[in-house]
Protein backbone atom coordinates (compact mmCIF):
# COMPACT_ATOMS: atom_id res chain seq x y z
CA MET A 1 0.71 121.86 -116.17
CA ASP A 2 1.33 123.12 -112.70
CA GLN A 3 4.85 123.53 -111.33
CA THR A 4 4.76 120.34 -109.25
CA THR A 5 3.78 118.21 -112.25
CA VAL A 6 6.48 119.75 -114.43
CA THR A 7 9.08 119.16 -111.72
CA ARG A 8 8.07 115.51 -111.31
CA ASN A 9 8.12 114.92 -115.06
CA LEU A 10 11.55 116.52 -115.38
CA GLN A 11 12.87 114.36 -112.54
CA VAL A 12 11.69 111.23 -114.38
CA LEU A 13 13.41 112.38 -117.57
CA GLU A 14 16.60 113.15 -115.65
CA LYS A 15 16.57 109.79 -113.85
CA SER A 16 16.14 108.07 -117.23
CA GLY A 17 19.16 109.95 -118.54
CA TYR A 18 17.25 111.89 -121.21
CA ILE A 19 18.00 115.35 -119.80
CA ASN A 20 20.59 117.01 -117.59
CA MET A 21 19.47 119.58 -115.00
CA GLU A 22 21.59 121.95 -112.97
CA THR A 23 20.82 124.83 -110.67
CA ALA A 24 21.47 128.26 -112.15
CA ARG A 25 24.21 130.31 -110.59
CA GLY A 26 22.86 132.96 -108.30
CA ASP A 27 19.29 131.62 -108.08
CA TYR A 28 18.63 128.12 -106.77
CA ARG A 29 15.00 128.32 -107.98
CA ILE A 30 16.08 128.32 -111.63
CA ARG A 31 17.10 125.09 -113.36
CA ASN A 32 19.04 124.93 -116.61
CA ILE A 33 17.81 121.92 -118.56
CA ARG A 34 19.63 120.35 -121.49
CA ILE A 35 18.75 117.31 -123.52
CA SER A 36 21.40 114.61 -123.20
CA ASP A 37 22.89 112.59 -126.04
CA ILE A 38 20.69 109.68 -124.94
CA GLY A 39 17.66 112.00 -125.06
CA LYS A 40 18.57 113.18 -128.57
CA SER A 41 18.93 109.58 -129.69
CA LYS A 42 15.55 108.64 -128.17
CA MET A 43 13.87 111.61 -129.89
CA LYS A 44 15.33 110.57 -133.23
CA GLU A 45 14.12 107.02 -132.63
CA ALA A 46 10.60 108.25 -131.81
CA GLU A 47 10.31 110.68 -134.75
CA PRO A 48 8.87 108.19 -137.30
CA PHE A 49 6.18 107.14 -134.80
CA TRP A 50 5.29 110.79 -134.13
CA GLU A 51 5.05 111.52 -137.85
CA LYS A 52 2.85 108.45 -138.39
CA ALA A 53 0.54 109.52 -135.55
CA GLN A 54 0.27 113.04 -137.01
CA LEU A 55 -0.62 111.67 -140.45
CA GLU A 56 -3.22 109.34 -138.95
CA MET A 57 -4.83 112.21 -137.03
CA GLU A 58 -4.93 114.35 -140.16
CA ALA A 59 -6.46 111.47 -142.15
CA THR A 60 -9.09 110.94 -139.44
CA LEU A 61 -9.95 114.56 -138.68
CA GLY A 62 -9.02 116.30 -141.92
CA GLY A 63 -6.65 119.20 -142.37
CA ASP A 64 -9.28 121.88 -141.76
CA SER A 65 -10.24 120.36 -138.40
CA ILE A 66 -6.62 120.23 -137.29
CA THR A 67 -6.13 123.85 -138.34
CA GLY A 68 -9.22 124.77 -136.29
CA ILE A 69 -7.98 122.85 -133.24
CA LEU A 70 -4.55 124.50 -133.40
CA SER A 71 -6.18 127.91 -133.78
CA ALA A 72 -8.34 127.26 -130.70
CA PHE A 73 -5.27 126.19 -128.69
CA LYS A 74 -3.47 129.41 -129.66
CA LYS A 75 -6.45 131.45 -128.46
CA ILE A 76 -6.58 129.55 -125.16
CA THR A 77 -2.85 129.79 -124.45
CA GLY A 78 -2.45 133.34 -125.73
């Protein structure tokens, strides 16, 4: 993602109360980001859905295909 997209997405998360952002001391360009208690709760709530989706993808594609996809992503992202 480009910087503008990341910034917009973080602003949405902050407005929803899922994260807290503050400017770093000494450099206004740096933001310290922390997940809020509400964000932690929402992640815990979403975890079973994430696990189900992962299992469904593995059942559809097969473990070897997923391993290949992850390997390709690692090569792309370095």
